[in-house]
């Protein structure tokens, strides 16, 4: 995860204002775009969520969010939990996660070839 100073700088560049800052996280709001972001680190996890007030976040917005809070060579994931573990406090909120301790900060990831062929695009 980026430093708190870098996260705040990048969030401000994207039009967000810091609305809360604690020792284990921050909250940002962009009133014009009707969205809030929460980032936190603790309990063994780095976490960032984005809540759009009018719709679900788009894939490109989730990519921007990941780049705002993590480095280019870091992985973060969006989990789809078992139905018995669902929690939905905000209808249009999505989360990104990265474990801090369990995998020494490195997520197990599939080989890129399992996802697709690098350099190939469907027409």
N, C-alpha and C. Protein backbone atom coordinates (compact mmCIF):
# COMPACT_ATOMS: atom_id res chain seq x y z
N UNK A 1 0.86 -1.17 0.00
CA UNK A 1 0.00 0.00 0.00
C UNK A 1 0.90 1.23 0.00
N UNK A 2 0.45 2.25 -0.66
CA UNK A 2 1.23 3.49 -0.71
C UNK A 2 1.29 4.13 0.67
N UNK A 3 2.16 5.12 0.84
CA UNK A 3 2.22 5.85 2.10
C UNK A 3 0.96 6.70 2.23
N UNK A 4 0.61 7.07 3.45
CA UNK A 4 -0.58 7.88 3.68
C UNK A 4 -0.47 9.21 2.94
N UNK A 5 0.72 9.78 2.91
CA UNK A 5 0.92 11.04 2.20
C UNK A 5 0.65 10.88 0.70
N UNK A 6 1.13 9.79 0.13
CA UNK A 6 0.92 9.54 -1.30
C UNK A 6 -0.56 9.26 -1.60
N UNK A 7 -1.23 8.51 -0.72
CA UNK A 7 -2.66 8.24 -0.92
C UNK A 7 -3.46 9.55 -0.89
N UNK A 8 -3.18 10.40 0.08
CA UNK A 8 -3.90 11.67 0.17
C UNK A 8 -3.64 12.53 -1.05
N UNK A 9 -2.39 12.59 -1.48
CA UNK A 9 -2.03 13.37 -2.67
C UNK A 9 -2.80 12.88 -3.90
N UNK A 10 -2.79 11.57 -4.11
CA UNK A 10 -3.47 11.00 -5.28
C UNK A 10 -4.99 11.18 -5.20
N UNK A 11 -5.53 11.04 -4.00
CA UNK A 11 -6.98 11.23 -3.83
C UNK A 11 -7.36 12.67 -4.14
N UNK A 12 -6.57 13.62 -3.65
CA UNK A 12 -6.86 15.03 -3.93
C UNK A 12 -6.74 15.33 -5.42
N UNK A 13 -5.76 14.74 -6.09
CA UNK A 13 -5.61 14.92 -7.54
C UNK A 13 -6.82 14.39 -8.30
N UNK A 14 -7.49 13.40 -7.72
CA UNK A 14 -8.69 12.81 -8.35
C UNK A 14 -9.97 13.52 -7.93
N UNK A 15 -9.84 14.62 -7.18
CA UNK A 15 -11.02 15.41 -6.82
C UNK A 15 -11.64 15.08 -5.48
N UNK A 16 -10.95 14.28 -4.67
CA UNK A 16 -11.47 13.90 -3.36
C UNK A 16 -10.90 14.81 -2.28
N UNK A 17 -11.68 15.01 -1.23
CA UNK A 17 -11.24 15.73 -0.04
C UNK A 17 -11.15 14.75 1.12
N UNK A 18 -10.17 14.93 1.98
CA UNK A 18 -10.05 14.10 3.17
C UNK A 18 -11.14 14.52 4.15
N UNK A 19 -12.00 13.58 4.54
CA UNK A 19 -13.05 13.88 5.51
C UNK A 19 -12.77 13.31 6.89
N UNK A 20 -11.83 12.36 6.94
CA UNK A 20 -11.44 11.77 8.23
C UNK A 20 -10.10 11.09 8.06
N UNK A 21 -9.24 11.23 9.06
CA UNK A 21 -7.94 10.57 9.05
C UNK A 21 -7.62 10.09 10.45
N UNK A 22 -7.33 8.79 10.59
CA UNK A 22 -6.97 8.17 11.86
C UNK A 22 -5.65 7.43 11.70
N UNK A 23 -5.20 6.76 12.75
CA UNK A 23 -3.94 6.03 12.67
C UNK A 23 -4.05 4.77 11.81
N UNK A 24 -5.27 4.30 11.56
CA UNK A 24 -5.44 3.07 10.78
C UNK A 24 -6.30 3.25 9.54
N UNK A 25 -6.46 4.49 9.07
CA UNK A 25 -7.22 4.67 7.84
C UNK A 25 -7.64 6.10 7.58
N UNK A 26 -8.29 6.28 6.43
CA UNK A 26 -8.77 7.59 6.00
C UNK A 26 -10.11 7.44 5.30
N UNK A 27 -10.84 8.54 5.24
CA UNK A 27 -12.08 8.60 4.47
C UNK A 27 -12.00 9.83 3.58
N UNK A 28 -12.44 9.66 2.33
CA UNK A 28 -12.41 10.73 1.34
C UNK A 28 -13.80 10.88 0.74
N UNK A 29 -14.14 12.07 0.29
CA UNK A 29 -15.42 12.31 -0.39
C UNK A 29 -15.19 13.18 -1.61
N UNK A 30 -15.94 12.88 -2.66
CA UNK A 30 -15.98 13.71 -3.86
C UNK A 30 -17.45 14.04 -4.08
N UNK A 31 -17.87 15.20 -3.60
CA UNK A 31 -19.28 15.58 -3.65
C UNK A 31 -19.77 15.74 -5.09
N UNK A 32 -18.91 16.25 -5.96
CA UNK A 32 -19.30 16.47 -7.36
C UNK A 32 -19.62 15.15 -8.06
N UNK A 33 -18.79 14.14 -7.81
CA UNK A 33 -18.99 12.83 -8.44
C UNK A 33 -19.84 11.90 -7.58
N UNK A 34 -20.29 12.38 -6.44
CA UNK A 34 -21.16 11.62 -5.54
C UNK A 34 -20.58 10.25 -5.17
N UNK A 35 -19.41 10.31 -4.53
CA UNK A 35 -18.77 9.06 -4.12
C UNK A 35 -17.87 9.28 -2.90
N UNK A 36 -17.72 8.23 -2.13
CA UNK A 36 -16.81 8.24 -0.98
C UNK A 36 -15.88 7.04 -1.06
N UNK A 37 -14.70 7.21 -0.46
CA UNK A 37 -13.69 6.16 -0.39
C UNK A 37 -13.27 6.00 1.06
N UNK A 38 -13.12 4.76 1.48
CA UNK A 38 -12.55 4.46 2.78
C UNK A 38 -11.34 3.58 2.56
N UNK A 39 -10.22 3.93 3.17
CA UNK A 39 -9.05 3.05 3.13
C UNK A 39 -8.65 2.76 4.57
N UNK A 40 -8.19 1.53 4.80
CA UNK A 40 -7.79 1.14 6.15
C UNK A 40 -6.72 0.06 6.09
N UNK A 41 -6.01 -0.05 7.19
CA UNK A 41 -5.00 -1.09 7.33
C UNK A 41 -5.02 -1.51 8.80
N UNK A 42 -5.21 -2.76 8.99
CA UNK A 42 -5.29 -3.30 10.35
C UNK A 42 -5.95 -4.65 10.33
N UNK A 43 -5.80 -5.40 11.40
CA UNK A 43 -6.40 -6.72 11.47
C UNK A 43 -5.83 -7.68 10.45
N UNK A 44 -4.63 -7.37 9.95
CA UNK A 44 -3.99 -8.24 8.96
C UNK A 44 -4.36 -7.93 7.52
N UNK A 45 -5.10 -6.82 7.28
CA UNK A 45 -5.56 -6.51 5.93
C UNK A 45 -5.36 -5.04 5.57
N UNK A 46 -5.03 -4.81 4.31
CA UNK A 46 -5.16 -3.49 3.70
C UNK A 46 -6.49 -3.52 2.96
N UNK A 47 -7.24 -2.43 3.02
CA UNK A 47 -8.60 -2.40 2.48
C UNK A 47 -8.91 -1.03 1.90
N UNK A 48 -9.57 -1.03 0.75
CA UNK A 48 -10.09 0.21 0.16
C UNK A 48 -11.48 -0.09 -0.38
N UNK A 49 -12.43 0.77 -0.06
CA UNK A 49 -13.78 0.63 -0.62
C UNK A 49 -14.20 1.94 -1.27
N UNK A 50 -15.03 1.82 -2.28
CA UNK A 50 -15.59 3.00 -2.94
C UNK A 50 -17.10 2.83 -2.96
N UNK A 51 -17.79 3.88 -2.58
CA UNK A 51 -19.24 3.88 -2.56
C UNK A 51 -19.74 5.00 -3.47
N UNK A 52 -20.31 4.60 -4.59
CA UNK A 52 -20.98 5.56 -5.48
C UNK A 52 -22.38 5.74 -4.94
N UNK A 53 -22.89 6.94 -4.94
CA UNK A 53 -24.22 7.20 -4.38
C UNK A 53 -25.33 6.87 -5.37
N UNK A 54 -24.98 6.77 -6.67
CA UNK A 54 -26.02 6.63 -7.69
C UNK A 54 -25.95 5.34 -8.50
N UNK A 55 -24.83 4.60 -8.40
CA UNK A 55 -24.66 3.38 -9.19
C UNK A 55 -23.46 2.61 -8.67
N UNK A 56 -23.33 1.37 -9.15
CA UNK A 56 -22.15 0.58 -8.80
C UNK A 56 -20.92 1.14 -9.50
N UNK A 57 -19.74 1.05 -8.89
CA UNK A 57 -18.51 1.48 -9.55
C UNK A 57 -18.23 0.64 -10.80
N UNK A 58 -17.68 1.27 -11.82
CA UNK A 58 -17.30 0.59 -13.04
C UNK A 58 -15.93 -0.08 -12.88
N UNK A 59 -15.61 -1.03 -13.75
CA UNK A 59 -14.31 -1.70 -13.71
C UNK A 59 -13.18 -0.67 -13.79
N UNK A 60 -13.29 0.30 -14.69
CA UNK A 60 -12.24 1.32 -14.83
C UNK A 60 -12.07 2.12 -13.54
N UNK A 61 -13.16 2.38 -12.84
CA UNK A 61 -13.08 3.10 -11.57
C UNK A 61 -12.39 2.25 -10.50
N UNK A 62 -12.64 0.94 -10.52
CA UNK A 62 -11.97 0.05 -9.57
C UNK A 62 -10.47 0.00 -9.88
N UNK A 63 -10.11 0.02 -11.17
CA UNK A 63 -8.70 0.05 -11.55
C UNK A 63 -8.05 1.34 -11.08
N UNK A 64 -8.74 2.47 -11.25
CA UNK A 64 -8.22 3.76 -10.76
C UNK A 64 -8.04 3.72 -9.25
N UNK A 65 -8.99 3.14 -8.56
CA UNK A 65 -8.93 3.03 -7.11
C UNK A 65 -7.71 2.21 -6.68
N UNK A 66 -7.49 1.09 -7.34
CA UNK A 66 -6.34 0.24 -7.03
C UNK A 66 -5.05 1.02 -7.23
N UNK A 67 -4.94 1.75 -8.33
CA UNK A 67 -3.72 2.51 -8.62
C UNK A 67 -3.53 3.68 -7.65
N UNK A 68 -4.63 4.22 -7.15
CA UNK A 68 -4.55 5.35 -6.21
C UNK A 68 -3.94 4.91 -4.88
N UNK A 69 -4.21 3.67 -4.47
CA UNK A 69 -3.83 3.23 -3.12
C UNK A 69 -2.73 2.18 -3.07
N UNK A 70 -2.47 1.49 -4.18
CA UNK A 70 -1.40 0.48 -4.22
C UNK A 70 -0.47 0.75 -5.38
N UNK A 71 0.75 0.24 -5.28
CA UNK A 71 1.75 0.41 -6.32
C UNK A 71 1.45 -0.42 -7.56
N UNK A 72 2.15 -0.09 -8.62
CA UNK A 72 1.95 -0.76 -9.92
C UNK A 72 2.19 -2.26 -9.86
N UNK A 73 3.09 -2.71 -9.01
CA UNK A 73 3.44 -4.13 -8.94
C UNK A 73 2.74 -4.86 -7.81
N UNK A 74 1.77 -4.22 -7.17
CA UNK A 74 1.03 -4.86 -6.08
C UNK A 74 -0.30 -5.41 -6.61
N UNK A 75 -0.73 -6.49 -5.99
CA UNK A 75 -2.02 -7.10 -6.31
C UNK A 75 -3.01 -6.74 -5.20
N UNK A 76 -4.27 -6.57 -5.60
CA UNK A 76 -5.38 -6.44 -4.65
C UNK A 76 -6.54 -7.22 -5.26
N UNK A 77 -7.44 -7.70 -4.41
CA UNK A 77 -8.53 -8.54 -4.90
C UNK A 77 -9.89 -8.04 -4.43
N UNK A 78 -10.90 -8.40 -5.20
CA UNK A 78 -12.29 -8.20 -4.81
C UNK A 78 -12.86 -9.58 -4.55
N UNK A 79 -13.27 -9.83 -3.31
CA UNK A 79 -13.80 -11.14 -2.94
C UNK A 79 -15.29 -11.25 -3.21
N UNK A 80 -15.69 -12.46 -3.57
CA UNK A 80 -17.10 -12.81 -3.68
C UNK A 80 -17.33 -13.90 -2.64
N UNK A 81 -17.81 -13.52 -1.47
CA UNK A 81 -17.89 -14.47 -0.35
C UNK A 81 -19.03 -15.48 -0.50
N UNK A 82 -18.98 -16.46 0.38
CA UNK A 82 -20.10 -17.40 0.49
C UNK A 82 -21.35 -16.60 0.84
N UNK A 83 -22.49 -17.02 0.34
CA UNK A 83 -23.74 -16.28 0.57
C UNK A 83 -24.02 -16.09 2.05
N UNK A 84 -23.63 -17.06 2.86
CA UNK A 84 -23.87 -16.95 4.31
C UNK A 84 -23.03 -15.84 4.95
N UNK A 85 -22.02 -15.35 4.25
CA UNK A 85 -21.14 -14.30 4.77
C UNK A 85 -21.41 -12.93 4.14
N UNK A 86 -22.44 -12.82 3.32
CA UNK A 86 -22.74 -11.53 2.68
C UNK A 86 -23.00 -10.44 3.71
N UNK A 87 -22.44 -9.26 3.44
CA UNK A 87 -22.71 -8.05 4.20
C UNK A 87 -22.89 -6.95 3.17
N UNK A 88 -23.98 -6.19 3.28
CA UNK A 88 -24.23 -5.13 2.32
C UNK A 88 -24.80 -3.92 3.04
N UNK A 89 -23.90 -3.08 3.56
CA UNK A 89 -24.33 -1.89 4.28
C UNK A 89 -24.58 -0.71 3.36
N UNK A 90 -24.04 -0.75 2.15
CA UNK A 90 -24.24 0.33 1.18
C UNK A 90 -24.42 -0.32 -0.20
N UNK A 91 -25.51 -0.05 -0.83
CA UNK A 91 -25.92 -0.74 -2.06
C UNK A 91 -24.88 -0.66 -3.18
N UNK A 92 -24.22 0.48 -3.33
CA UNK A 92 -23.30 0.68 -4.46
C UNK A 92 -21.84 0.71 -4.03
N UNK A 93 -21.49 -0.07 -3.02
CA UNK A 93 -20.13 -0.08 -2.48
C UNK A 93 -19.40 -1.36 -2.88
N UNK A 94 -18.16 -1.21 -3.37
CA UNK A 94 -17.31 -2.35 -3.69
C UNK A 94 -15.98 -2.19 -2.94
N UNK A 95 -15.33 -3.33 -2.66
CA UNK A 95 -14.13 -3.35 -1.83
C UNK A 95 -12.97 -4.01 -2.54
N UNK A 96 -11.75 -3.55 -2.25
CA UNK A 96 -10.51 -4.20 -2.64
C UNK A 96 -9.75 -4.56 -1.38
N UNK A 97 -9.09 -5.72 -1.39
CA UNK A 97 -8.40 -6.24 -0.21
C UNK A 97 -7.02 -6.75 -0.56
N UNK A 98 -6.11 -6.66 0.42
CA UNK A 98 -4.79 -7.28 0.30
C UNK A 98 -4.37 -7.71 1.70
N UNK A 99 -4.03 -9.00 1.88
CA UNK A 99 -3.58 -9.43 3.21
C UNK A 99 -2.21 -8.85 3.52
N UNK A 100 -2.02 -8.44 4.76
CA UNK A 100 -0.73 -7.88 5.17
C UNK A 100 0.18 -8.98 5.71
N UNK A 101 -0.38 -9.87 6.54
CA UNK A 101 0.46 -10.81 7.28
C UNK A 101 0.46 -12.24 6.73
N UNK A 102 -0.70 -12.80 6.46
CA UNK A 102 -0.79 -14.24 6.18
C UNK A 102 0.12 -14.70 5.05
N UNK A 103 0.18 -13.94 3.98
CA UNK A 103 1.03 -14.32 2.85
C UNK A 103 2.23 -13.38 2.74
N UNK A 104 2.63 -12.82 3.88
CA UNK A 104 3.75 -11.86 3.92
C UNK A 104 3.48 -10.72 2.94
N UNK A 105 2.21 -10.33 2.83
CA UNK A 105 1.85 -9.21 1.96
C UNK A 105 1.75 -9.58 0.49
N UNK A 106 1.95 -10.86 0.15
CA UNK A 106 1.88 -11.27 -1.25
C UNK A 106 0.75 -12.26 -1.43
N UNK A 107 -0.18 -11.91 -2.30
CA UNK A 107 -1.31 -12.79 -2.59
C UNK A 107 -0.88 -13.94 -3.49
N UNK A 108 -1.43 -15.13 -3.27
CA UNK A 108 -1.23 -16.17 -4.27
C UNK A 108 -2.01 -15.76 -5.52
N UNK A 109 -1.39 -15.83 -6.67
CA UNK A 109 -2.04 -15.39 -7.91
C UNK A 109 -1.89 -16.45 -9.00
N UNK A 110 -2.88 -16.54 -9.88
CA UNK A 110 -2.78 -17.50 -10.98
C UNK A 110 -1.81 -17.01 -12.04
N UNK A 111 -1.23 -17.92 -12.81
CA UNK A 111 -0.39 -17.49 -13.93
C UNK A 111 -1.22 -16.67 -14.92
N UNK A 112 -0.62 -15.65 -15.51
CA UNK A 112 -1.38 -14.80 -16.44
C UNK A 112 -1.94 -15.60 -17.62
N UNK A 113 -1.28 -16.69 -18.01
CA UNK A 113 -1.77 -17.52 -19.12
C UNK A 113 -3.12 -18.17 -18.79
N UNK A 114 -3.43 -18.32 -17.50
CA UNK A 114 -4.73 -18.86 -17.11
C UNK A 114 -5.84 -17.84 -17.34
N UNK A 115 -5.48 -16.57 -17.41
CA UNK A 115 -6.44 -15.49 -17.61
C UNK A 115 -6.63 -15.21 -19.10
N UNK A 116 -5.55 -15.24 -19.84
CA UNK A 116 -5.61 -14.96 -21.28
C UNK A 116 -4.21 -14.89 -21.86
N UNK A 117 -4.14 -14.51 -23.12
CA UNK A 117 -2.88 -14.43 -23.84
C UNK A 117 -2.43 -12.97 -23.86
N UNK A 118 -1.25 -12.71 -23.30
CA UNK A 118 -0.73 -11.34 -23.28
C UNK A 118 -0.53 -10.84 -24.70
N UNK A 119 -0.97 -9.61 -24.97
CA UNK A 119 -0.81 -9.00 -26.28
C UNK A 119 -1.91 -9.34 -27.27
N UNK A 120 -2.83 -10.24 -26.91
CA UNK A 120 -3.93 -10.64 -27.80
C UNK A 120 -5.19 -9.89 -27.42
N UNK A 121 -5.88 -9.35 -28.42
CA UNK A 121 -7.15 -8.67 -28.16
C UNK A 121 -8.21 -9.19 -29.12
N UNK A 122 -9.40 -9.46 -28.60
CA UNK A 122 -10.52 -9.86 -29.45
C UNK A 122 -10.99 -8.66 -30.26
N UNK A 123 -11.41 -8.91 -31.47
CA UNK A 123 -11.92 -7.81 -32.32
C UNK A 123 -13.41 -7.83 -32.35
